[in-house]
Amino acid sequence: MKRVFTVKRDNPSRAQVCERAIAEMRERYRLAVDFEVEVREPKRTLDANAAMWATLTDIAAVVDWPHTVAGEWRIGKMLTPAWKAVLTAGFEQETAMAQAVGGGTVMLGARTSKFSKRKMGEFLEYAHAFGAEKGVKFSAKACEDLEFYAPRQPA
């Protein structure tokens, strides 16, 4: 049986949630059954994923970037999924590449589906900073999403 206890900082009952989790662990310990304990940040949501695609779409519409088409280098617009690969690789400071099956090279970027909620917010900040440097005027949705998923921390 799997039990998940979600502790949110804005939940006034978070202490009780923690107590229930501890009680669950104690009971399993008392019964001498195997169990695992995992403490992690919350995963990013599907809405956060949609926010990422809104941001990437705005970048793809404006920014010209060196890339290949049919094996030939050119500078121009790239498709939104290509921007996801480029920006996630840059965000993760990843330089891993592989040879493509039909020739060429494939950049192996990070999997945003594995990002935590916090990390997705940081990625959105990174993508917005990149876009701003390149003159992207982000859509209202992308700006609202940035404020929601990557709120400014008080100084």
C-alpha atoms as a PDB file:
ATOM      1  CA  MET A   1       0.000   0.000   0.000  1.00  0.00           C
ATOM      2  CA  LYS A   2       1.262   3.445  -0.932  1.00  0.00           C
ATOM      3  CA  ARG A   3       0.511   6.524   1.184  1.00  0.00           C
ATOM      4  CA  VAL A   4       1.590  10.005   0.217  1.00  0.00           C
ATOM      5  CA  PHE A   5       1.644  12.824   2.747  1.00  0.00           C
ATOM      6  CA  THR A   6       1.883  16.275   1.165  1.00  0.00           C
ATOM      7  CA  VAL A   7       3.183  19.003   3.449  1.00  0.00           C
ATOM      8  CA  LYS A   8       2.540  22.523   2.157  1.00  0.00           C
ATOM      9  CA  ARG A   9       3.985  25.559   3.902  1.00  0.00           C
ATOM     10  CA  ASP A  10       0.676  27.445   3.697  1.00  0.00           C
ATOM     11  CA  ASN A  11      -1.386  24.622   5.259  1.00  0.00           C
ATOM     12  CA  PRO A  12      -2.167  25.492   8.890  1.00  0.00           C
ATOM     13  CA  SER A  13      -2.539  21.724   9.546  1.00  0.00           C
ATOM     14  CA  ARG A  14       0.913  20.832   8.210  1.00  0.00           C
ATOM     15  CA  ALA A  15       2.117  19.720  11.673  1.00  0.00           C
ATOM     16  CA  GLN A  16      -0.749  17.223  11.862  1.00  0.00           C
ATOM     17  CA  VAL A  17       0.102  15.916   8.386  1.00  0.00           C
ATOM     18  CA  CYS A  18       3.689  15.349   9.551  1.00  0.00           C
ATOM     19  CA  GLU A  19       2.453  13.582  12.687  1.00  0.00           C
ATOM     20  CA  ARG A  20       0.259  11.254  10.609  1.00  0.00           C
ATOM     21  CA  ALA A  21       3.238  10.424   8.370  1.00  0.00           C
ATOM     22  CA  ILE A  22       5.393   9.653  11.411  1.00  0.00           C
ATOM     23  CA  ALA A  23       2.623   7.521  12.914  1.00  0.00           C
ATOM     24  CA  GLU A  24       2.387   5.577   9.646  1.00  0.00           C
ATOM     25  CA  MET A  25       6.141   4.923   9.679  1.00  0.00           C
ATOM     26  CA  ARG A  26       6.048   3.864  13.342  1.00  0.00           C
ATOM     27  CA  GLU A  27       3.209   1.423  12.652  1.00  0.00           C
ATOM     28  CA  ARG A  28       5.025  -0.167   9.738  1.00  0.00           C
ATOM     29  CA  TYR A  29       8.170  -0.371  11.862  1.00  0.00           C
ATOM     30  CA  ARG A  30       6.179  -2.001  14.695  1.00  0.00           C
ATOM     31  CA  LEU A  31       4.743  -4.565  12.269  1.00  0.00           C
ATOM     32  CA  ALA A  32       8.286  -5.281  11.013  1.00  0.00           C
ATOM     33  CA  VAL A  33       7.303  -4.722   7.394  1.00  0.00           C
ATOM     34  CA  ASP A  34       9.602  -3.259   4.771  1.00  0.00           C
ATOM     35  CA  PHE A  35       8.869   0.284   3.654  1.00  0.00           C
ATOM     36  CA  GLU A  36      10.541   3.226   1.955  1.00  0.00           C
ATOM     37  CA  VAL A  37      10.573   6.866   2.945  1.00  0.00           C
ATOM     38  CA  GLU A  38      11.055   9.526   0.284  1.00  0.00           C
ATOM     39  CA  VAL A  39      11.186  13.245   0.977  1.00  0.00           C
ATOM     40  CA  ARG A  40      11.240  15.431  -2.127  1.00  0.00           C
ATOM     41  CA  GLU A  41      10.022  18.707  -3.496  1.00  0.00           C
ATOM     42  CA  PRO A  42       6.618  18.660  -5.199  1.00  0.00           C
ATOM     43  CA  LYS A  43       6.725  17.794  -8.899  1.00  0.00           C
ATOM     44  CA  ARG A  44       5.862  20.395 -11.469  1.00  0.00           C
ATOM     45  CA  THR A  45       2.239  20.469 -12.568  1.00  0.00           C
ATOM     46  CA  LEU A  46       0.689  20.122 -16.023  1.00  0.00           C
ATOM     47  CA  ASP A  47      -0.231  23.807 -15.785  1.00  0.00           C
ATOM     48  CA  ALA A  48       3.441  24.639 -15.219  1.00  0.00           C
ATOM     49  CA  ASN A  49       4.259  22.550 -18.282  1.00  0.00           C
ATOM     50  CA  ALA A  50       1.729  24.586 -20.297  1.00  0.00           C
ATOM     51  CA  ALA A  51       3.393  27.751 -18.999  1.00  0.00           C
ATOM     52  CA  MET A  52       6.742  26.484 -20.264  1.00  0.00           C
ATOM     53  CA  TRP A  53       5.298  25.872 -23.752  1.00  0.00           C
ATOM     54  CA  ALA A  54       3.743  29.364 -23.838  1.00  0.00           C
ATOM     55  CA  THR A  55       7.148  30.866 -23.058  1.00  0.00           C
ATOM     56  CA  LEU A  56       8.950  28.680 -25.614  1.00  0.00           C
ATOM     57  CA  THR A  57       6.357  29.522 -28.282  1.00  0.00           C
ATOM     58  CA  ASP A  58       6.979  33.247 -27.759  1.00  0.00           C
ATOM     59  CA  ILE A  59      10.740  32.704 -28.106  1.00  0.00           C
ATOM     60  CA  ALA A  60      10.321  30.548 -31.227  1.00  0.00           C
ATOM     61  CA  ALA A  61       8.262  33.272 -32.921  1.00  0.00           C
ATOM     62  CA  VAL A  62      10.954  35.945 -32.509  1.00  0.00           C
ATOM     63  CA  VAL A  63      14.475  34.597 -32.084  1.00  0.00           C
ATOM     64  CA  ASP A  64      16.697  33.627 -35.007  1.00  0.00           C
ATOM     65  CA  TRP A  65      19.217  30.958 -34.008  1.00  0.00           C
ATOM     66  CA  PRO A  66      21.903  28.875 -35.751  1.00  0.00           C
ATOM     67  CA  HIS A  67      20.625  25.376 -36.510  1.00  0.00           C
ATOM     68  CA  THR A  68      20.620  22.833 -39.305  1.00  0.00           C
ATOM     69  CA  VAL A  69      17.912  22.062 -41.828  1.00  0.00           C
ATOM     70  CA  ALA A  70      18.530  18.972 -43.978  1.00  0.00           C
ATOM     71  CA  GLY A  71      22.130  18.962 -42.764  1.00  0.00           C
ATOM     72  CA  GLU A  72      22.828  22.563 -43.771  1.00  0.00           C
ATOM     73  CA  TRP A  73      23.570  25.270 -41.218  1.00  0.00           C
ATOM     74  CA  ARG A  74      21.397  28.358 -41.277  1.00  0.00           C
ATOM     75  CA  ILE A  75      20.291  31.119 -38.973  1.00  0.00           C
ATOM     76  CA  GLY A  76      16.562  31.511 -38.596  1.00  0.00           C
ATOM     77  CA  LYS A  77      13.489  30.554 -36.640  1.00  0.00           C
ATOM     78  CA  MET A  78      13.369  27.153 -34.955  1.00  0.00           C
ATOM     79  CA  LEU A  79      10.367  25.111 -33.936  1.00  0.00           C
ATOM     80  CA  THR A  80       9.228  25.320 -30.322  1.00  0.00           C
ATOM     81  CA  PRO A  81      10.402  21.744 -29.441  1.00  0.00           C
ATOM     82  CA  ALA A  82      13.890  22.665 -30.684  1.00  0.00           C
ATOM     83  CA  TRP A  83      13.891  25.628 -28.291  1.00  0.00           C
ATOM     84  CA  LYS A  84      12.927  23.305 -25.452  1.00  0.00           C
ATOM     85  CA  ALA A  85      15.985  21.156 -26.201  1.00  0.00           C
ATOM     86  CA  VAL A  86      18.321  24.161 -26.527  1.00  0.00           C
ATOM     87  CA  LEU A  87      17.105  25.987 -23.421  1.00  0.00           C
ATOM     88  CA  THR A  88      16.839  22.956 -21.133  1.00  0.00           C
ATOM     89  CA  ALA A  89      20.354  21.933 -22.124  1.00  0.00           C
ATOM     90  CA  GLY A  90      21.579  25.464 -21.409  1.00  0.00           C
ATOM     91  CA  PHE A  91      19.681  25.639 -18.115  1.00  0.00           C
ATOM     92  CA  GLU A  92      21.165  22.333 -16.967  1.00  0.00           C
ATOM     93  CA  GLN A  93      24.572  23.356 -18.362  1.00  0.00           C
ATOM     94  CA  GLU A  94      24.391  20.103 -20.281  1.00  0.00           C
ATOM     95  CA  THR A  95      26.715  19.367 -23.157  1.00  0.00           C
ATOM     96  CA  ALA A  96      25.797  15.737 -23.785  1.00  0.00           C
ATOM     97  CA  MET A  97      25.148  14.854 -27.406  1.00  0.00           C
ATOM     98  CA  ALA A  98      24.632  11.688 -29.386  1.00  0.00           C
ATOM     99  CA  GLN A  99      24.925  10.769 -33.025  1.00  0.00           C
ATOM    100  CA  ALA A 100      21.500  10.612 -34.638  1.00  0.00           C
ATOM    101  CA  VAL A 101      20.484   7.354 -36.292  1.00  0.00           C
ATOM    102  CA  GLY A 102      20.285   8.922 -39.751  1.00  0.00           C
ATOM    103  CA  GLY A 103      23.351  11.113 -39.301  1.00  0.00           C
ATOM    104  CA  GLY A 104      23.855  14.416 -37.593  1.00  0.00           C
ATOM    105  CA  THR A 105      23.904  15.146 -33.884  1.00  0.00           C
ATOM    106  CA  VAL A 106      21.212  15.208 -31.232  1.00  0.00           C
ATOM    107  CA  MET A 107      21.519  17.355 -28.102  1.00  0.00           C
ATOM    108  CA  LEU A 108      20.462  15.444 -25.017  1.00  0.00           C
ATOM    109  CA  GLY A 109      18.713  18.025 -22.863  1.00  0.00           C
ATOM    110  CA  ALA A 110      17.080  17.622 -19.492  1.00  0.00           C
ATOM    111  CA  ARG A 111      13.632  16.093 -19.078  1.00  0.00           C
ATOM    112  CA  THR A 112      11.351  18.799 -17.736  1.00  0.00           C
ATOM    113  CA  SER A 113       8.828  16.145 -16.703  1.00  0.00           C
ATOM    114  CA  LYS A 114      11.252  15.339 -13.881  1.00  0.00           C
ATOM    115  CA  PHE A 115      11.534  18.972 -12.736  1.00  0.00           C
ATOM    116  CA  SER A 116      10.216  19.923  -9.327  1.00  0.00           C
ATOM    117  CA  LYS A 117       7.800  22.819  -8.997  1.00  0.00           C
ATOM    118  CA  ARG A 118      10.669  25.060  -7.825  1.00  0.00           C
ATOM    119  CA  LYS A 119      12.991  23.979 -10.624  1.00  0.00           C
ATOM    120  CA  MET A 120      10.326  24.597 -13.269  1.00  0.00           C
ATOM    121  CA  GLY A 121       9.941  28.129 -11.899  1.00  0.00           C
ATOM    122  CA  GLU A 122      13.708  28.614 -12.150  1.00  0.00           C
ATOM    123  CA  PHE A 123      13.645  27.300 -15.729  1.00  0.00           C
ATOM    124  CA  LEU A 124      10.870  29.755 -16.644  1.00  0.00           C
ATOM    125  CA  GLU A 125      12.960  32.604 -15.192  1.00  0.00           C
ATOM    126  CA  TYR A 126      15.950  31.387 -17.215  1.00  0.00           C
ATOM    127  CA  ALA A 127      13.909  31.194 -20.446  1.00  0.00           C
ATOM    128  CA  HIS A 128      12.390  34.644 -19.875  1.00  0.00           C
ATOM    129  CA  ALA A 129      15.816  36.167 -19.203  1.00  0.00           C
ATOM    130  CA  PHE A 130      17.141  34.607 -22.426  1.00  0.00           C
ATOM    131  CA  GLY A 131      14.136  35.846 -24.394  1.00  0.00           C
ATOM    132  CA  ALA A 132      14.385  39.356 -22.939  1.00  0.00           C
ATOM    133  CA  GLU A 133      18.038  39.534 -24.032  1.00  0.00           C
ATOM    134  CA  LYS A 134      16.902  38.614 -27.560  1.00  0.00           C
ATOM    135  CA  GLY A 135      14.115  41.190 -27.686  1.00  0.00           C
ATOM    136  CA  VAL A 136      11.160  38.855 -27.110  1.00  0.00           C
ATOM    137  CA  LYS A 137       7.982  40.631 -26.008  1.00  0.00           C
ATOM    138  CA  PHE A 138       6.292  37.860 -24.062  1.00  0.00           C
ATOM    139  CA  SER A 139       2.556  37.271 -24.305  1.00  0.00           C
ATOM    140  CA  ALA A 140       0.335  38.206 -21.386  1.00  0.00           C
ATOM    141  CA  LYS A 141      -0.111  34.505 -20.623  1.00  0.00           C
ATOM    142  CA  ALA A 142       3.638  33.857 -20.484  1.00  0.00           C
ATOM    143  CA  CYS A 143       4.124  36.880 -18.190  1.00  0.00           C
ATOM    144  CA  GLU A 144       1.265  35.843 -15.889  1.00  0.00           C
ATOM    145  CA  ASP A 145       2.618  32.291 -15.790  1.00  0.00           C
ATOM    146  CA  LEU A 146       6.077  33.558 -14.869  1.00  0.00           C
ATOM    147  CA  GLU A 147       4.646  35.542 -11.960  1.00  0.00           C
ATOM    148  CA  PHE A 148       2.673  32.516 -10.775  1.00  0.00           C
ATOM    149  CA  TYR A 149       5.347  29.802 -11.137  1.00  0.00           C
ATOM    150  CA  ALA A 150       8.442  31.869 -10.398  1.00  0.00           C
ATOM    151  CA  PRO A 151       7.316  34.579  -7.977  1.00  0.00           C
ATOM    152  CA  ARG A 152       9.905  37.101  -6.915  1.00  0.00           C
ATOM    153  CA  GLN A 153      11.395  36.259  -3.544  1.00  0.00           C
ATOM    154  CA  PRO A 154      11.541  39.090  -1.007  1.00  0.00           C
ATOM    155  CA  ALA A 155      15.019  40.558  -0.581  1.00  0.00           C
END
